[in-house]
């Protein structure tokens, strides 16, 4: 074998075909050595009632009203949207705040019984509160 032939074999590796053709690349975006084992486990796993059909979540009615207003005073000149008179316990206020911050893409905090969201979100907030079950939303 010539010197060039040996160099070519070294680049292709020991398991390379004799004719010098390259092996086919894996079909997926990357090689997963556990793919076959995971497929076997997934097919052997029993189907539970939780994954078979999603349970209908019981929708808790929202508060009767909410007052939404925008203010700048006391916030360093920045606009904030304040949601007041929800009448929710502290624990629920935290949950609502987290959901609203995620939906609006902003920061916020709970201040007493009010939710304070960074930025002017009055119009978008009206729609979100109605979706969450608030019966009357007053913009101030």
C-alpha atoms as a PDB file:
ATOM      1  CA  UNK A   1       0.000   0.000   0.000  1.00  0.00           C
ATOM      2  CA  UNK A   2       1.279   3.420  -0.868  1.00  0.00           C
ATOM      3  CA  UNK A   3       1.917   6.185   1.622  1.00  0.00           C
ATOM      4  CA  UNK A   4      -1.155   8.099   0.415  1.00  0.00           C
ATOM      5  CA  UNK A   5      -3.334   5.000   0.860  1.00  0.00           C
ATOM      6  CA  UNK A   6      -2.194   4.529   4.472  1.00  0.00           C
ATOM      7  CA  UNK A   7      -2.878   8.209   5.269  1.00  0.00           C
ATOM      8  CA  UNK A   8      -6.371   7.881   3.817  1.00  0.00           C
ATOM      9  CA  UNK A   9      -7.069   4.750   5.894  1.00  0.00           C
ATOM     10  CA  UNK A  10      -5.871   6.527   9.034  1.00  0.00           C
ATOM     11  CA  UNK A  11      -8.275   9.418   8.426  1.00  0.00           C
ATOM     12  CA  UNK A  12     -11.235   7.117   7.817  1.00  0.00           C
ATOM     13  CA  UNK A  13     -10.564   4.994  10.895  1.00  0.00           C
ATOM     14  CA  UNK A  14     -10.323   1.248  11.372  1.00  0.00           C
ATOM     15  CA  UNK A  15     -13.999   0.544  10.688  1.00  0.00           C
ATOM     16  CA  UNK A  16     -14.006   2.406   7.352  1.00  0.00           C
ATOM     17  CA  UNK A  17     -15.020   0.402   4.280  1.00  0.00           C
ATOM     18  CA  UNK A  18     -12.209  -0.826   2.070  1.00  0.00           C
ATOM     19  CA  UNK A  19     -13.397   1.173  -0.942  1.00  0.00           C
ATOM     20  CA  UNK A  20     -12.868   4.450   0.934  1.00  0.00           C
ATOM     21  CA  UNK A  21     -16.562   5.466   1.118  1.00  0.00           C
ATOM     22  CA  UNK A  22     -17.634   7.348   4.232  1.00  0.00           C
ATOM     23  CA  UNK A  23     -20.276   6.030   6.635  1.00  0.00           C
ATOM     24  CA  UNK A  24     -23.713   7.655   6.587  1.00  0.00           C
ATOM     25  CA  UNK A  25     -24.280  10.340   9.210  1.00  0.00           C
ATOM     26  CA  UNK A  26     -26.904   9.760  11.895  1.00  0.00           C
ATOM     27  CA  UNK A  27     -30.385  10.767  10.773  1.00  0.00           C
ATOM     28  CA  UNK A  28     -31.196  12.922  13.819  1.00  0.00           C
ATOM     29  CA  UNK A  29     -29.597  16.186  14.829  1.00  0.00           C
ATOM     30  CA  UNK A  30     -27.249  14.309  17.145  1.00  0.00           C
ATOM     31  CA  UNK A  31     -26.368  10.752  18.065  1.00  0.00           C
ATOM     32  CA  UNK A  32     -28.249   9.480  21.115  1.00  0.00           C
ATOM     33  CA  UNK A  33     -26.771   6.176  22.303  1.00  0.00           C
ATOM     34  CA  UNK A  34     -29.797   5.577  24.538  1.00  0.00           C
ATOM     35  CA  UNK A  35     -32.491   6.115  21.870  1.00  0.00           C
ATOM     36  CA  UNK A  36     -33.229   2.413  21.376  1.00  0.00           C
ATOM     37  CA  UNK A  37     -33.436   1.746  25.125  1.00  0.00           C
ATOM     38  CA  UNK A  38     -35.766   4.713  25.642  1.00  0.00           C
ATOM     39  CA  UNK A  39     -38.089   3.528  22.866  1.00  0.00           C
ATOM     40  CA  UNK A  40     -38.310   0.107  24.508  1.00  0.00           C
ATOM     41  CA  UNK A  41     -39.092   1.650  27.909  1.00  0.00           C
ATOM     42  CA  UNK A  42     -41.708   3.991  26.459  1.00  0.00           C
ATOM     43  CA  UNK A  43     -43.540   1.185  24.684  1.00  0.00           C
ATOM     44  CA  UNK A  44     -43.488  -1.030  27.804  1.00  0.00           C
ATOM     45  CA  UNK A  45     -44.684   1.705  30.194  1.00  0.00           C
ATOM     46  CA  UNK A  46     -48.335   1.429  31.243  1.00  0.00           C
ATOM     47  CA  UNK A  47     -50.652   4.247  30.280  1.00  0.00           C
ATOM     48  CA  UNK A  48     -51.852   5.983  33.423  1.00  0.00           C
ATOM     49  CA  UNK A  49     -55.155   7.732  33.840  1.00  0.00           C
ATOM     50  CA  UNK A  50     -53.350  11.075  34.188  1.00  0.00           C
ATOM     51  CA  UNK A  51     -51.689  10.856  30.769  1.00  0.00           C
ATOM     52  CA  UNK A  52     -54.564   9.150  29.000  1.00  0.00           C
ATOM     53  CA  UNK A  53     -57.027  12.039  29.237  1.00  0.00           C
ATOM     54  CA  UNK A  54     -56.481  15.416  30.817  1.00  0.00           C
ATOM     55  CA  UNK A  55     -58.654  16.036  33.828  1.00  0.00           C
ATOM     56  CA  UNK A  56     -61.101  18.884  33.548  1.00  0.00           C
ATOM     57  CA  UNK A  57     -59.760  21.504  35.890  1.00  0.00           C
ATOM     58  CA  UNK A  58     -62.367  23.049  38.090  1.00  0.00           C
ATOM     59  CA  UNK A  59     -62.386  26.750  37.316  1.00  0.00           C
ATOM     60  CA  UNK A  60     -62.543  28.836  40.454  1.00  0.00           C
ATOM     61  CA  UNK A  61     -64.586  31.985  39.853  1.00  0.00           C
ATOM     62  CA  UNK A  62     -62.521  35.152  39.943  1.00  0.00           C
ATOM     63  CA  UNK A  63     -63.188  38.249  41.988  1.00  0.00           C
ATOM     64  CA  UNK A  64     -66.276  40.322  41.262  1.00  0.00           C
ATOM     65  CA  UNK A  65     -64.351  43.447  40.310  1.00  0.00           C
ATOM     66  CA  UNK A  66     -60.951  45.012  39.784  1.00  0.00           C
ATOM     67  CA  UNK A  67     -59.813  48.600  39.405  1.00  0.00           C
ATOM     68  CA  UNK A  68     -56.898  49.101  37.023  1.00  0.00           C
ATOM     69  CA  UNK A  69     -55.077  52.425  36.909  1.00  0.00           C
ATOM     70  CA  UNK A  70     -51.761  53.836  35.789  1.00  0.00           C
ATOM     71  CA  UNK A  71     -49.628  56.021  38.049  1.00  0.00           C
ATOM     72  CA  UNK A  72     -46.204  57.647  38.075  1.00  0.00           C
ATOM     73  CA  UNK A  73     -46.067  59.275  41.485  1.00  0.00           C
ATOM     74  CA  UNK A  74     -43.725  57.601  43.941  1.00  0.00           C
ATOM     75  CA  UNK A  75     -42.096  55.346  41.353  1.00  0.00           C
ATOM     76  CA  UNK A  76     -39.219  57.529  40.216  1.00  0.00           C
ATOM     77  CA  UNK A  77     -41.161  58.889  37.238  1.00  0.00           C
ATOM     78  CA  UNK A  78     -41.706  55.407  35.814  1.00  0.00           C
ATOM     79  CA  UNK A  79     -45.155  54.286  34.707  1.00  0.00           C
ATOM     80  CA  UNK A  80     -46.707  51.437  36.666  1.00  0.00           C
ATOM     81  CA  UNK A  81     -50.089  49.768  36.363  1.00  0.00           C
ATOM     82  CA  UNK A  82     -51.866  49.195  39.659  1.00  0.00           C
ATOM     83  CA  UNK A  83     -54.583  46.539  40.043  1.00  0.00           C
ATOM     84  CA  UNK A  84     -56.693  47.132  43.154  1.00  0.00           C
ATOM     85  CA  UNK A  85     -59.807  45.803  44.891  1.00  0.00           C
ATOM     86  CA  UNK A  86     -59.362  42.206  43.785  1.00  0.00           C
ATOM     87  CA  UNK A  87     -60.331  40.926  47.227  1.00  0.00           C
ATOM     88  CA  UNK A  88     -58.023  37.916  47.006  1.00  0.00           C
ATOM     89  CA  UNK A  89     -55.974  36.377  49.828  1.00  0.00           C
ATOM     90  CA  UNK A  90     -52.214  37.051  49.866  1.00  0.00           C
ATOM     91  CA  UNK A  91     -51.391  33.600  48.458  1.00  0.00           C
ATOM     92  CA  UNK A  92     -53.706  34.056  45.479  1.00  0.00           C
ATOM     93  CA  UNK A  93     -52.356  37.551  44.844  1.00  0.00           C
ATOM     94  CA  UNK A  94     -48.873  36.050  44.439  1.00  0.00           C
ATOM     95  CA  UNK A  95     -50.200  33.456  41.970  1.00  0.00           C
ATOM     96  CA  UNK A  96     -52.111  36.063  39.967  1.00  0.00           C
ATOM     97  CA  UNK A  97     -49.064  38.338  39.905  1.00  0.00           C
ATOM     98  CA  UNK A  98     -46.835  35.570  38.578  1.00  0.00           C
ATOM     99  CA  UNK A  99     -49.336  34.706  35.826  1.00  0.00           C
ATOM    100  CA  UNK A 100     -49.849  38.349  34.825  1.00  0.00           C
ATOM    101  CA  UNK A 101     -46.129  39.095  34.773  1.00  0.00           C
ATOM    102  CA  UNK A 102     -45.578  36.115  32.488  1.00  0.00           C
ATOM    103  CA  UNK A 103     -48.410  37.097  30.169  1.00  0.00           C
ATOM    104  CA  UNK A 104     -47.399  40.748  29.955  1.00  0.00           C
ATOM    105  CA  UNK A 105     -43.646  40.211  29.962  1.00  0.00           C
ATOM    106  CA  UNK A 106     -42.968  42.703  32.716  1.00  0.00           C
ATOM    107  CA  UNK A 107     -41.915  42.880  36.340  1.00  0.00           C
ATOM    108  CA  UNK A 108     -44.163  43.501  39.276  1.00  0.00           C
ATOM    109  CA  UNK A 109     -44.807  43.191  42.984  1.00  0.00           C
ATOM    110  CA  UNK A 110     -47.568  42.790  45.543  1.00  0.00           C
ATOM    111  CA  UNK A 111     -48.102  45.905  47.654  1.00  0.00           C
ATOM    112  CA  UNK A 112     -50.664  45.217  50.398  1.00  0.00           C
ATOM    113  CA  UNK A 113     -53.795  44.141  48.546  1.00  0.00           C
ATOM    114  CA  UNK A 114     -52.701  45.656  45.206  1.00  0.00           C
ATOM    115  CA  UNK A 115     -50.706  44.289  42.304  1.00  0.00           C
ATOM    116  CA  UNK A 116     -48.146  46.685  40.816  1.00  0.00           C
ATOM    117  CA  UNK A 117     -46.918  45.911  37.291  1.00  0.00           C
ATOM    118  CA  UNK A 118     -44.097  47.817  35.600  1.00  0.00           C
ATOM    119  CA  UNK A 119     -45.245  49.770  32.551  1.00  0.00           C
ATOM    120  CA  UNK A 120     -48.608  50.897  31.193  1.00  0.00           C
ATOM    121  CA  UNK A 121     -50.602  47.695  30.548  1.00  0.00           C
ATOM    122  CA  UNK A 122     -54.158  48.925  31.132  1.00  0.00           C
ATOM    123  CA  UNK A 123     -55.728  47.759  27.869  1.00  0.00           C
ATOM    124  CA  UNK A 124     -54.012  44.364  27.745  1.00  0.00           C
ATOM    125  CA  UNK A 125     -54.663  43.846  31.448  1.00  0.00           C
ATOM    126  CA  UNK A 126     -58.406  44.271  30.983  1.00  0.00           C
ATOM    127  CA  UNK A 127     -58.505  41.293  28.595  1.00  0.00           C
ATOM    128  CA  UNK A 128     -56.331  39.136  30.844  1.00  0.00           C
ATOM    129  CA  UNK A 129     -58.416  39.846  33.946  1.00  0.00           C
ATOM    130  CA  UNK A 130     -61.657  39.010  32.133  1.00  0.00           C
ATOM    131  CA  UNK A 131     -60.092  35.722  30.975  1.00  0.00           C
ATOM    132  CA  UNK A 132     -59.182  34.958  34.602  1.00  0.00           C
ATOM    133  CA  UNK A 133     -62.809  35.398  35.658  1.00  0.00           C
ATOM    134  CA  UNK A 134     -63.051  38.997  36.899  1.00  0.00           C
ATOM    135  CA  UNK A 135     -66.620  40.070  36.249  1.00  0.00           C
ATOM    136  CA  UNK A 136     -66.121  43.875  36.108  1.00  0.00           C
ATOM    137  CA  UNK A 137     -62.867  45.624  35.229  1.00  0.00           C
ATOM    138  CA  UNK A 138     -62.774  49.381  35.744  1.00  0.00           C
ATOM    139  CA  UNK A 139     -60.010  51.368  34.068  1.00  0.00           C
ATOM    140  CA  UNK A 140     -59.030  54.471  35.980  1.00  0.00           C
END
